[in-house]
Amino acid sequence: MERVNASNLNGRARPTERVIQFGEGNFLRAFIDWKIDRMNEEVGTDFGVVVVRPIDGGIPISLNDSDGVYTVLSRGVGEDGNAFSDARPISAIRREISAVHDWEETLSLARNTDFVAVVSNTTEAGITYVADCKKDDAPPASFPAKVTRMLMERFEACGQSEAPGFHFLPCELIDKNGDTLEKVVLKHAADWALSEEFVAWVKEKNAFYNTLVDRIVPGYPRDEADAIEAELGYKDPLMVAAELFHFLVIEKRDDQPELVMPLAEKDSGTIVVANADGYKERKVAILNGSHTALCPLALVAGIDSVKEAMDNGPANAFLKGMLETEIMPYLSLPQDELKVFAEEVLRRFANPFIAHRWYDISLNGIAKFHTRNLPRFEKHKEVSGHAPRYMGLSLAAWLAFYTGNFAKAADLPARDADDVKAKFAEIAALKDSDGVEAMVRAFLREESFWGKSLECCSLVKTVVEGFDFLTEQPFDLDRLAFWDVGGKNCQCCG
């Protein structure tokens, strides 16, 4: 079979290049690119995407080898209870380039006023301020610095204060992602002593929209690829599987222009609202927080997929208990609405068509726990007076995973930044020299993980007990039924 290419689009038009996309990963291709592609067909718009790989590495296969075409496989159980599957070849992506190796070509996109929007997903650590970035770097290391440099190019080449700006739709899972990106861009502008006119143009002619994104995207369905490709009639190494559910919230405040891409016009899975806080809190806490909490427990137990874990009764009960006692009580939306959403999330996790692997989910796990779980973790502790026992066991499991204290550690090394792994190596060494409690205390007071020290008597006790529970004998998910969820009040911090 030949590799998928433009001939597999069955005559569908290829759109004009109008969108710059930072990131080539599975999520963007199965979510925002899929939505743009459907919008083009159903609304009659003309938005083609140029993918910019922001860093070296990533997926080792180029979209250019298939004319930018790949397949999104959406599968799940429909509202009628029957299985449903849709394989859609995507026509919206026109080509890809590398910011590292094609920086001048990347800047040329900014000079082309056909481009009106920028979308991105550079991971939760992507929209960060890196002081070392300079405007003459080719390219600057961080994503916001690259954006700042591209905005400089647009401003200078296209009429300065009269230059058309961009609409930014960042898909990174951080709070106020659009506002944060704008703030870091303006910080670089100040660092680089850029003109007041440029700063005014960034603020007035460009729009940074906060977004919330929600779709489970396991990625390439490698266990089924041969059978799927035989049915499709072509090879597709960039095929990406996703659940049926998809939800995009775009926050458009009154002082922001109407969106240049009408993504919500004929898509019930996209909404535009004045304030997305309630939707964001619900999604991050319940969906992402559940993933992040169960992930290290599944890995320590040797469980490969989310579906496999959800088929385990004690694991299912663990998640439900955590949601009901440690997460939902501390969210702002009505509890009845949260309960419906939580039930839907658990059904989505059990989707029989989705082979979502825990090891993929483990990427940058500590940063994810900090973002997704720690706010409810601390709120529970504040209200109840003791450490949360469900999330406390999860924290112990992350410690076991990062320090390699589980059966499959040699095959499943932690996936994180080098400095994070180096810090865990120091923490792990304390177990042999000073014991488990010393290791746990160092883990909890590591401010580079948590932004502050979490060390207190209740949490130290919970994590030590959890670590022993996970490591004193071979751990499987059935043992979750024996984890004591009762907590004692913290004596050292009130």
Protein backbone atom coordinates (compact mmCIF):
# COMPACT_ATOMS: atom_id res chain seq x y z
CA MET A 1 0.00 0.00 0.00
CA GLU A 2 1.07 3.57 -0.66
CA ARG A 3 1.32 6.16 2.11
CA VAL A 4 -1.70 8.44 2.49
CA ASN A 5 -1.48 11.58 0.36
CA ALA A 6 -3.66 14.27 -1.23
CA SER A 7 -5.25 11.75 -3.60
CA ASN A 8 -7.03 10.22 -0.58
CA LEU A 9 -8.99 13.43 0.02
CA ASN A 10 -11.51 12.45 -2.67
CA GLY A 11 -11.39 15.82 -4.38
CA ARG A 12 -11.67 17.99 -1.26
CA ALA A 13 -10.06 21.38 -1.77
CA ARG A 14 -6.78 22.28 -0.12
CA PRO A 15 -7.18 25.54 1.80
CA THR A 16 -5.00 28.64 1.63
CA GLU A 17 -2.22 28.91 4.20
CA ARG A 18 -3.60 31.22 6.89
CA VAL A 19 -2.80 29.60 10.27
CA ILE A 20 0.60 29.17 11.93
CA GLN A 21 0.71 26.21 14.29
CA PHE A 22 3.44 25.70 16.86
CA GLY A 23 3.52 21.97 17.56
CA GLU A 24 3.10 18.85 15.45
CA GLY A 25 1.91 16.48 18.15
CA ASN A 26 -1.02 14.13 18.31
CA PHE A 27 -3.31 16.39 20.31
CA LEU A 28 -3.22 19.40 18.00
CA ARG A 29 -3.64 17.22 14.93
CA ALA A 30 -6.63 15.33 16.40
CA PHE A 31 -8.23 18.40 17.95
CA ILE A 32 -7.67 21.89 16.55
CA ASP A 33 -6.59 20.77 13.05
CA TRP A 34 -9.53 18.36 12.92
CA LYS A 35 -11.88 21.17 13.96
CA ILE A 36 -10.40 23.58 11.39
CA ASP A 37 -10.74 20.89 8.72
CA ARG A 38 -14.42 20.31 9.55
CA MET A 39 -15.03 24.06 9.74
CA ASN A 40 -13.61 24.53 6.26
CA GLU A 41 -15.94 21.87 4.88
CA GLU A 42 -19.10 22.68 6.82
CA VAL A 43 -18.89 26.48 7.06
CA GLY A 44 -17.13 27.02 3.74
CA THR A 45 -14.08 28.75 5.20
CA ASP A 46 -10.55 28.69 3.78
CA PHE A 47 -7.98 28.18 6.54
CA GLY A 48 -4.90 26.12 5.81
CA VAL A 49 -2.30 25.36 8.47
CA VAL A 50 1.48 25.52 8.35
CA VAL A 51 2.96 23.47 11.19
CA VAL A 52 6.10 24.82 12.85
CA ARG A 53 8.03 22.32 14.92
CA PRO A 54 9.14 24.51 17.82
CA ILE A 55 12.07 22.34 18.97
CA ASP A 56 14.24 19.55 17.64
CA GLY A 57 12.98 16.02 18.08
CA GLY A 58 9.31 15.17 18.45
CA ILE A 59 7.54 12.83 16.05
CA PRO A 60 10.26 11.41 13.76
CA ILE A 61 8.00 11.41 10.69
CA SER A 62 7.30 14.41 8.52
CA LEU A 63 3.86 15.55 7.42
CA ASN A 64 5.53 16.76 4.23
CA ASP A 65 5.94 13.14 3.13
CA SER A 66 2.15 12.79 2.86
CA ASP A 67 1.25 16.23 1.42
CA GLY A 68 0.28 17.20 4.96
CA VAL A 69 -2.49 14.58 4.93
CA TYR A 70 -3.10 12.15 7.80
CA THR A 71 -6.12 10.41 9.34
CA VAL A 72 -8.02 11.19 12.52
CA LEU A 73 -9.83 8.11 13.78
CA SER A 74 -12.70 9.15 16.10
CA ARG A 75 -14.20 6.20 17.95
CA GLY A 76 -16.45 5.56 20.87
CA VAL A 77 -19.97 4.72 21.95
CA GLY A 78 -22.62 7.05 20.59
CA GLU A 79 -25.61 8.44 22.48
CA ASP A 80 -27.66 5.49 21.20
CA GLY A 81 -25.32 3.08 22.95
CA ASN A 82 -23.88 1.70 19.71
CA ALA A 83 -20.25 1.72 18.67
CA PHE A 84 -19.32 4.45 16.22
CA SER A 85 -16.13 5.04 14.26
CA ASP A 86 -15.19 7.75 11.78
CA ALA A 87 -11.92 7.92 9.84
CA ARG A 88 -11.34 11.40 8.44
CA PRO A 89 -8.35 12.27 6.24
CA ILE A 90 -7.34 15.82 7.19
CA SER A 91 -6.75 18.31 4.39
CA ALA A 92 -6.16 21.47 6.46
CA ILE A 93 -2.41 21.05 7.04
CA ARG A 94 -0.44 22.19 4.01
CA ARG A 95 3.16 21.64 5.13
CA GLU A 96 5.51 21.63 8.09
CA ILE A 97 8.76 23.45 8.79
CA SER A 98 11.24 23.50 11.68
CA ALA A 99 11.79 26.61 13.78
CA VAL A 100 15.28 25.31 14.59
CA HIS A 101 16.39 24.49 11.04
CA ASP A 102 14.12 26.80 9.03
CA TRP A 103 14.07 29.93 11.19
CA GLU A 104 14.19 32.39 8.31
CA GLU A 105 11.32 30.56 6.64
CA THR A 106 9.44 30.66 9.94
CA LEU A 107 9.92 34.44 10.09
CA SER A 108 8.70 34.72 6.52
CA LEU A 109 5.30 33.43 7.69
CA ALA A 110 5.01 36.50 9.92
CA ARG A 111 5.72 38.78 6.95
CA ASN A 112 2.88 37.19 4.96
CA THR A 113 -0.39 38.93 5.84
CA ASP A 114 -2.41 35.96 4.57
CA PHE A 115 -1.61 34.46 7.97
CA VAL A 116 -4.13 35.67 10.52
CA ALA A 117 -4.09 33.16 13.40
CA VAL A 118 -1.59 31.27 15.57
CA VAL A 119 -2.46 28.06 17.42
CA SER A 120 -0.14 26.15 19.71
CA ASN A 121 0.36 23.30 22.12
CA THR A 122 3.91 23.38 23.43
CA THR A 123 3.09 21.35 26.61
CA GLU A 124 2.19 22.81 29.99
CA ALA A 125 5.80 23.99 30.43
CA GLY A 126 5.83 25.74 27.05
CA ILE A 127 4.41 29.16 27.93
CA THR A 128 7.13 30.16 30.34
CA TYR A 129 9.47 33.11 30.64
CA VAL A 130 13.11 32.28 29.85
CA ALA A 131 15.26 35.28 30.65
CA ASP A 132 18.21 34.07 28.58
CA CYS A 133 16.31 34.41 25.30
CA LYS A 134 17.60 37.19 23.06
CA LYS A 135 15.94 38.80 20.07
CA ASP A 136 18.90 37.92 17.82
CA ASP A 137 18.79 34.22 18.67
CA ALA A 138 18.00 32.13 15.62
CA PRO A 139 15.68 30.92 17.00
CA PRO A 140 15.11 31.95 20.62
CA ALA A 141 14.75 28.88 22.81
CA SER A 142 11.30 29.41 24.30
CA PHE A 143 7.95 29.47 22.53
CA PRO A 144 6.94 32.96 23.80
CA ALA A 145 10.29 34.37 22.72
CA LYS A 146 9.78 32.89 19.26
CA VAL A 147 6.33 34.52 19.16
CA THR A 148 7.82 37.87 20.22
CA ARG A 149 10.42 37.66 17.46
CA MET A 150 7.73 36.80 14.88
CA LEU A 151 5.63 39.74 16.04
CA MET A 152 8.66 41.99 15.60
CA GLU A 153 9.00 40.69 12.05
CA ARG A 154 5.32 41.34 11.31
CA PHE A 155 5.46 44.84 12.81
CA GLU A 156 8.55 45.92 10.88
CA ALA A 157 7.66 44.32 7.54
CA CYS A 158 3.95 45.11 7.31
CA GLY A 159 3.52 48.76 8.19
CA GLN A 160 4.41 48.96 11.87
CA SER A 161 1.42 50.40 13.75
CA GLU A 162 -0.80 49.72 10.73
CA ALA A 163 0.27 46.09 10.42
CA PRO A 164 -2.49 43.52 10.87
CA GLY A 165 -2.05 41.45 14.02
CA PHE A 166 -2.69 37.81 14.83
CA HIS A 167 -5.40 35.99 16.73
CA PHE A 168 -3.68 33.62 19.18
CA LEU A 169 -5.47 30.44 20.29
CA PRO A 170 -3.04 28.64 22.62
CA CYS A 171 -4.13 25.12 23.56
CA GLU A 172 -1.65 24.59 26.40
CA LEU A 173 -3.32 23.33 29.55
CA ILE A 174 -2.46 26.21 31.86
CA ASP A 175 -4.75 28.73 33.49
CA LYS A 176 -5.38 31.83 31.35
CA ASN A 177 -3.14 30.51 28.60
CA GLY A 178 -3.78 33.45 26.25
CA ASP A 179 -3.25 36.07 28.94
CA THR A 180 -0.09 34.30 30.07
CA LEU A 181 1.33 34.16 26.56
CA GLU A 182 0.67 37.88 26.06
CA LYS A 183 2.25 38.72 29.42
CA VAL A 184 5.45 36.79 28.60
CA VAL A 185 5.63 38.34 25.13
CA LEU A 186 5.42 41.82 26.68
CA LYS A 187 8.10 40.84 29.22
CA HIS A 188 10.43 39.92 26.34
CA ALA A 189 9.57 43.19 24.62
CA ALA A 190 10.66 45.03 27.75
CA ASP A 191 13.84 42.93 28.07
CA TRP A 192 14.73 43.65 24.48
CA ALA A 193 13.99 47.40 24.80
CA LEU A 194 11.47 47.28 21.97
CA SER A 195 9.66 50.49 21.10
CA GLU A 196 6.53 51.82 22.79
CA GLU A 197 4.89 51.74 19.36
CA PHE A 198 5.56 48.00 19.08
CA VAL A 199 4.18 47.33 22.57
CA ALA A 200 1.05 49.36 21.78
CA TRP A 201 0.61 47.42 18.53
CA VAL A 202 0.93 44.06 20.32
CA LYS A 203 -1.77 45.11 22.76
CA GLU A 204 -4.13 46.79 20.30
CA LYS A 205 -3.83 44.81 17.05
CA ASN A 206 -3.27 41.30 18.37
CA ALA A 207 -5.75 39.22 20.36
CA PHE A 208 -4.71 36.54 22.86
CA TYR A 209 -7.73 34.35 23.66
CA ASN A 210 -7.86 32.09 26.69
CA THR A 211 -9.00 28.59 25.76
CA LEU A 212 -10.01 25.31 27.33
CA VAL A 213 -9.46 22.13 25.34
CA ASP A 214 -10.86 18.69 26.06
CA ARG A 215 -10.43 15.52 24.03
CA ILE A 216 -8.70 12.29 24.93
CA VAL A 217 -6.16 11.60 22.19
CA PRO A 218 -4.22 8.35 22.68
CA GLY A 219 -2.31 8.83 19.43
CA TYR A 220 -1.18 6.24 16.91
CA PRO A 221 -3.23 3.00 17.30
CA ARG A 222 -0.22 0.76 16.90
CA ASP A 223 -1.92 -2.43 18.11
CA GLU A 224 -4.58 -2.12 15.40
CA ALA A 225 -2.71 -0.20 12.73
CA ASP A 226 -2.36 -3.01 10.19
CA ALA A 227 -6.06 -3.88 10.27
CA ILE A 228 -7.13 -0.23 10.11
CA GLU A 229 -4.78 0.54 7.24
CA ALA A 230 -6.02 -2.51 5.32
CA GLU A 231 -9.57 -1.16 5.67
CA LEU A 232 -8.54 2.37 4.68
CA GLY A 233 -6.46 1.20 1.75
CA TYR A 234 -3.34 3.21 2.56
CA LYS A 235 -0.46 3.37 5.03
CA ASP A 236 -0.58 6.21 7.53
CA PRO A 237 2.21 6.38 10.14
CA LEU A 238 0.75 9.67 11.44
CA MET A 239 -2.77 8.34 11.94
CA VAL A 240 -4.10 9.47 15.30
CA ALA A 241 -6.93 7.92 17.33
CA ALA A 242 -9.22 10.04 19.49
CA GLU A 243 -12.42 9.66 21.45
CA LEU A 244 -15.72 10.92 20.03
CA PHE A 245 -16.03 13.60 22.71
CA HIS A 246 -14.47 16.98 21.91
CA PHE A 247 -14.93 20.31 23.65
CA LEU A 248 -13.29 23.67 22.97
CA VAL A 249 -14.11 26.74 25.05
CA ILE A 250 -12.85 30.07 23.73
CA GLU A 251 -13.00 32.99 26.12
CA LYS A 252 -13.76 36.20 24.20
CA ARG A 253 -14.00 39.22 26.42
CA ASP A 254 -15.92 42.33 25.41
CA ASP A 255 -12.68 44.18 24.62
CA GLN A 256 -11.56 41.50 22.14
CA PRO A 257 -12.50 41.29 18.46
CA GLU A 258 -14.74 38.65 16.94
CA LEU A 259 -12.79 35.51 16.18
CA VAL A 260 -11.28 35.39 12.72
CA MET A 261 -11.94 31.63 12.59
CA PRO A 262 -15.65 30.83 13.16
CA LEU A 263 -14.90 27.54 14.88
CA ALA A 264 -18.15 27.49 16.86
CA GLU A 265 -20.48 28.26 13.94
CA LYS A 266 -21.48 24.68 13.13
CA ASP A 267 -19.72 22.76 15.88
CA SER A 268 -21.66 21.94 19.05
CA GLY A 269 -18.35 20.92 20.62
CA THR A 270 -17.02 24.49 20.49
CA ILE A 271 -18.41 27.39 22.48
CA VAL A 272 -17.42 31.05 22.82
CA VAL A 273 -18.04 32.57 26.25
CA ALA A 274 -17.13 35.73 28.14
CA ASN A 275 -15.62 33.78 31.06
CA ALA A 276 -14.35 30.19 30.87
CA ASP A 277 -13.28 29.82 34.50
CA GLY A 278 -15.99 27.37 35.57
CA TYR A 279 -15.46 25.09 32.56
CA LYS A 280 -11.69 25.18 33.01
CA GLU A 281 -11.79 24.38 36.72
CA ARG A 282 -14.16 21.47 36.12
CA LYS A 283 -12.16 19.96 33.31
CA VAL A 284 -8.70 20.34 34.83
CA ALA A 285 -9.77 19.04 38.24
CA ILE A 286 -12.03 16.16 37.23
CA LEU A 287 -10.75 14.90 33.87
CA ASN A 288 -7.06 15.77 33.99
CA GLY A 289 -6.84 15.43 37.76
CA SER A 290 -8.22 11.88 37.60
CA HIS A 291 -5.75 10.92 34.88
CA THR A 292 -2.84 12.37 36.82
CA ALA A 293 -3.90 10.79 40.11
CA LEU A 294 -4.35 7.25 38.80
CA CYS A 295 -1.43 7.31 36.35
CA PRO A 296 1.46 6.44 38.72
CA LEU A 297 -0.61 3.85 40.55
CA ALA A 298 -1.33 2.08 37.25
CA LEU A 299 2.33 2.25 36.18
CA VAL A 300 3.58 0.90 39.52
CA ALA A 301 1.01 -1.90 39.17
CA GLY A 302 2.21 -2.74 35.64
CA ILE A 303 -1.01 -1.66 33.93
CA ASP A 304 -0.57 -0.42 30.38
CA SER A 305 -3.82 1.33 29.36
CA VAL A 306 -6.50 3.52 30.91
CA LYS A 307 -9.21 1.11 29.76
CA GLU A 308 -7.49 -1.77 31.56
CA ALA A 309 -7.38 0.22 34.79
CA MET A 310 -11.03 1.24 34.51
CA ASP A 311 -11.99 -2.43 34.17
CA ASN A 312 -10.50 -2.99 37.63
CA GLY A 313 -13.14 -2.59 40.35
CA PRO A 314 -10.89 -1.22 43.13
CA ALA A 315 -9.25 1.28 40.73
CA ASN A 316 -12.67 2.45 39.56
CA ALA A 317 -13.82 2.81 43.15
CA PHE A 318 -10.59 4.67 44.02
CA LEU A 319 -11.28 7.30 41.35
CA LYS A 320 -14.91 7.68 42.36
CA GLY A 321 -13.95 8.08 46.01
CA MET A 322 -11.33 10.68 45.18
CA LEU A 323 -13.73 12.65 42.98
CA GLU A 324 -16.54 12.58 45.53
CA THR A 325 -14.50 13.45 48.63
CA GLU A 326 -11.34 15.28 47.55
CA ILE A 327 -12.15 17.06 44.30
CA MET A 328 -15.81 17.86 43.60
CA PRO A 329 -16.56 19.39 47.04
CA TYR A 330 -13.95 22.07 46.31
CA LEU A 331 -15.16 23.18 42.86
CA SER A 332 -17.37 26.19 42.21
CA LEU A 333 -19.98 24.74 39.84
CA PRO A 334 -23.18 23.10 41.20
CA GLN A 335 -22.53 19.62 42.59
CA ASP A 336 -25.28 18.04 40.47
CA GLU A 337 -23.62 19.37 37.31
CA LEU A 338 -20.22 18.20 38.50
CA LYS A 339 -21.58 14.73 39.22
CA VAL A 340 -22.93 14.40 35.67
CA PHE A 341 -19.60 15.52 34.23
CA ALA A 342 -17.64 13.13 36.49
CA GLU A 343 -19.81 10.20 35.41
CA GLU A 344 -19.22 11.13 31.78
CA VAL A 345 -15.46 11.31 32.39
CA LEU A 346 -15.41 7.80 33.86
CA ARG A 347 -17.33 6.51 30.81
CA ARG A 348 -14.82 8.20 28.54
CA PHE A 349 -11.94 6.56 30.40
CA ALA A 350 -13.61 3.18 29.80
CA ASN A 351 -14.04 3.75 26.04
CA PRO A 352 -13.31 0.30 24.53
CA PHE A 353 -11.86 1.85 21.36
CA ILE A 354 -9.25 4.01 23.04
CA ALA A 355 -5.90 2.48 23.98
CA HIS A 356 -4.65 5.45 26.01
CA ARG A 357 -1.37 4.41 27.59
CA TRP A 358 -0.41 5.47 31.07
CA TYR A 359 3.24 5.83 30.11
CA ASP A 360 2.30 8.47 27.55
CA ILE A 361 0.24 10.26 30.20
CA SER A 362 3.21 10.20 32.61
CA LEU A 363 5.15 12.83 30.63
CA ASN A 364 6.04 15.71 33.00
CA GLY A 365 3.94 14.04 35.69
CA ILE A 366 5.10 16.18 38.61
CA ALA A 367 4.29 19.43 36.78
CA LYS A 368 0.89 17.95 35.92
CA PHE A 369 0.19 17.06 39.56
CA HIS A 370 1.15 20.60 40.56
CA THR A 371 -1.21 22.14 37.99
CA ARG A 372 -4.09 19.69 38.06
CA ASN A 373 -4.27 18.21 41.56
CA LEU A 374 -2.48 20.44 44.03
CA PRO A 375 -5.18 23.18 44.23
CA ARG A 376 -7.83 20.68 45.38
CA PHE A 377 -5.23 18.79 47.41
CA GLU A 378 -4.47 21.90 49.46
CA LYS A 379 -8.11 22.97 49.71
CA HIS A 380 -9.08 19.57 51.10
CA LYS A 381 -6.27 19.77 53.65
CA GLU A 382 -7.32 23.29 54.65
CA VAL A 383 -10.99 22.33 55.13
CA SER A 384 -10.58 18.84 56.62
CA GLY A 385 -7.46 19.45 58.67
CA HIS A 386 -5.61 16.44 57.28
CA ALA A 387 -3.89 15.33 54.10
CA PRO A 388 -6.14 13.84 51.39
CA ARG A 389 -5.66 10.09 51.46
CA TYR A 390 -6.58 9.29 47.85
CA MET A 391 -4.37 11.97 46.34
CA GLY A 392 -1.78 11.31 49.05
CA LEU A 393 -1.39 7.74 47.80
CA SER A 394 -1.12 9.10 44.27
CA LEU A 395 1.68 11.42 45.40
CA ALA A 396 3.47 8.45 46.97
CA ALA A 397 3.10 6.57 43.68
CA TRP A 398 4.63 9.47 41.73
CA LEU A 399 7.57 9.32 44.16
CA ALA A 400 7.90 5.57 43.58
CA PHE A 401 7.71 6.06 39.81
CA TYR A 402 10.28 8.87 39.59
CA THR A 403 12.71 7.12 41.94
CA GLY A 404 12.36 3.77 40.18
CA ASN A 405 10.91 1.89 43.14
CA PHE A 406 8.62 -0.45 41.18
CA ALA A 407 8.90 -3.69 39.24
CA LYS A 408 9.06 -2.32 35.68
CA ALA A 409 11.23 0.71 36.43
CA ALA A 410 13.97 -0.37 34.02
CA ASP A 411 11.49 -0.40 31.13
CA LEU A 412 9.59 2.74 32.15
CA PRO A 413 12.03 5.50 33.08
CA ALA A 414 10.54 8.83 34.12
CA ARG A 415 9.80 11.16 31.21
CA ASP A 416 10.69 14.66 32.30
CA ALA A 417 13.24 17.46 32.02
CA ASP A 418 16.83 16.59 32.89
CA ASP A 419 16.89 18.89 35.93
CA VAL A 420 13.75 17.24 37.34
CA LYS A 421 15.21 13.77 36.88
CA ALA A 422 18.50 14.88 38.44
CA LYS A 423 16.66 16.23 41.49
CA PHE A 424 14.81 12.93 41.88
CA ALA A 425 18.11 11.05 41.70
CA GLU A 426 19.30 13.09 44.70
CA ILE A 427 16.03 12.43 46.54
CA ALA A 428 16.15 8.69 45.76
CA ALA A 429 19.64 8.40 47.27
CA LEU A 430 18.25 9.47 50.65
CA LYS A 431 16.22 6.26 50.92
CA ASP A 432 19.35 4.13 51.26
CA SER A 433 21.29 6.56 53.43
CA ASP A 434 18.60 7.96 55.73
CA GLY A 435 15.41 5.97 55.14
CA VAL A 436 12.04 6.41 53.47
CA GLU A 437 10.87 9.28 55.67
CA ALA A 438 13.92 11.39 54.81
CA MET A 439 13.29 10.77 51.12
CA VAL A 440 9.61 11.70 51.50
CA ARG A 441 10.42 14.90 53.39
CA ALA A 442 12.91 15.97 50.71
CA PHE A 443 10.30 15.23 48.02
CA LEU A 444 7.61 17.28 49.77
CA ARG A 445 9.79 20.29 50.52
CA GLU A 446 11.28 20.53 47.02
CA GLU A 447 10.14 24.01 45.98
CA SER A 448 11.15 23.50 42.34
CA PHE A 449 8.35 20.89 42.16
CA TRP A 450 5.63 22.63 44.14
CA GLY A 451 6.50 26.32 44.25
CA LYS A 452 6.78 26.02 48.03
CA SER A 453 7.33 23.36 50.68
CA LEU A 454 4.45 20.91 51.26
CA GLU A 455 6.13 19.30 54.26
CA CYS A 456 3.87 18.80 57.28
CA CYS A 457 3.29 15.93 59.71
CA SER A 458 -0.01 14.74 58.21
CA LEU A 459 1.25 14.65 54.63
CA VAL A 460 4.61 13.12 55.53
CA LYS A 461 2.78 10.35 57.39
CA THR A 462 0.38 9.76 54.49
CA VAL A 463 3.09 9.63 51.82
CA VAL A 464 5.37 7.39 53.91
CA GLU A 465 2.47 5.02 54.53
CA GLY A 466 1.57 5.18 50.84
CA PHE A 467 5.13 4.50 49.69
CA ASP A 468 5.37 1.48 52.00
CA PHE A 469 1.94 0.28 50.85
CA LEU A 470 3.11 0.40 47.22
CA THR A 471 6.58 -1.09 47.64
CA GLU A 472 6.65 -3.53 50.55
CA GLN A 473 5.19 -6.25 48.31
CA PRO A 474 4.36 -6.53 44.60
CA PHE A 475 1.58 -4.02 43.98
CA ASP A 476 -1.50 -4.58 41.84
CA LEU A 477 -4.61 -2.43 41.51
CA ASP A 478 -6.73 -4.89 43.49
CA ARG A 479 -4.78 -3.80 46.58
CA LEU A 480 -6.36 -0.33 46.32
CA ALA A 481 -9.36 -1.85 48.08
CA PHE A 482 -7.17 -2.11 51.21
CA TRP A 483 -5.84 1.45 51.29
CA ASP A 484 -7.08 3.19 54.43
CA VAL A 485 -8.82 6.40 53.32
CA GLY A 486 -9.30 7.74 56.87
CA GLY A 487 -7.10 10.72 57.77
CA LYS A 488 -5.92 12.24 61.03
CA ASN A 489 -5.72 15.95 61.65
CA CYS A 490 -2.43 17.66 61.08
CA GLN A 491 -0.77 18.71 64.34
CA CYS A 492 2.05 20.85 62.93
CA CYS A 493 0.19 23.34 60.78
CA GLY A 494 -3.28 23.62 62.23
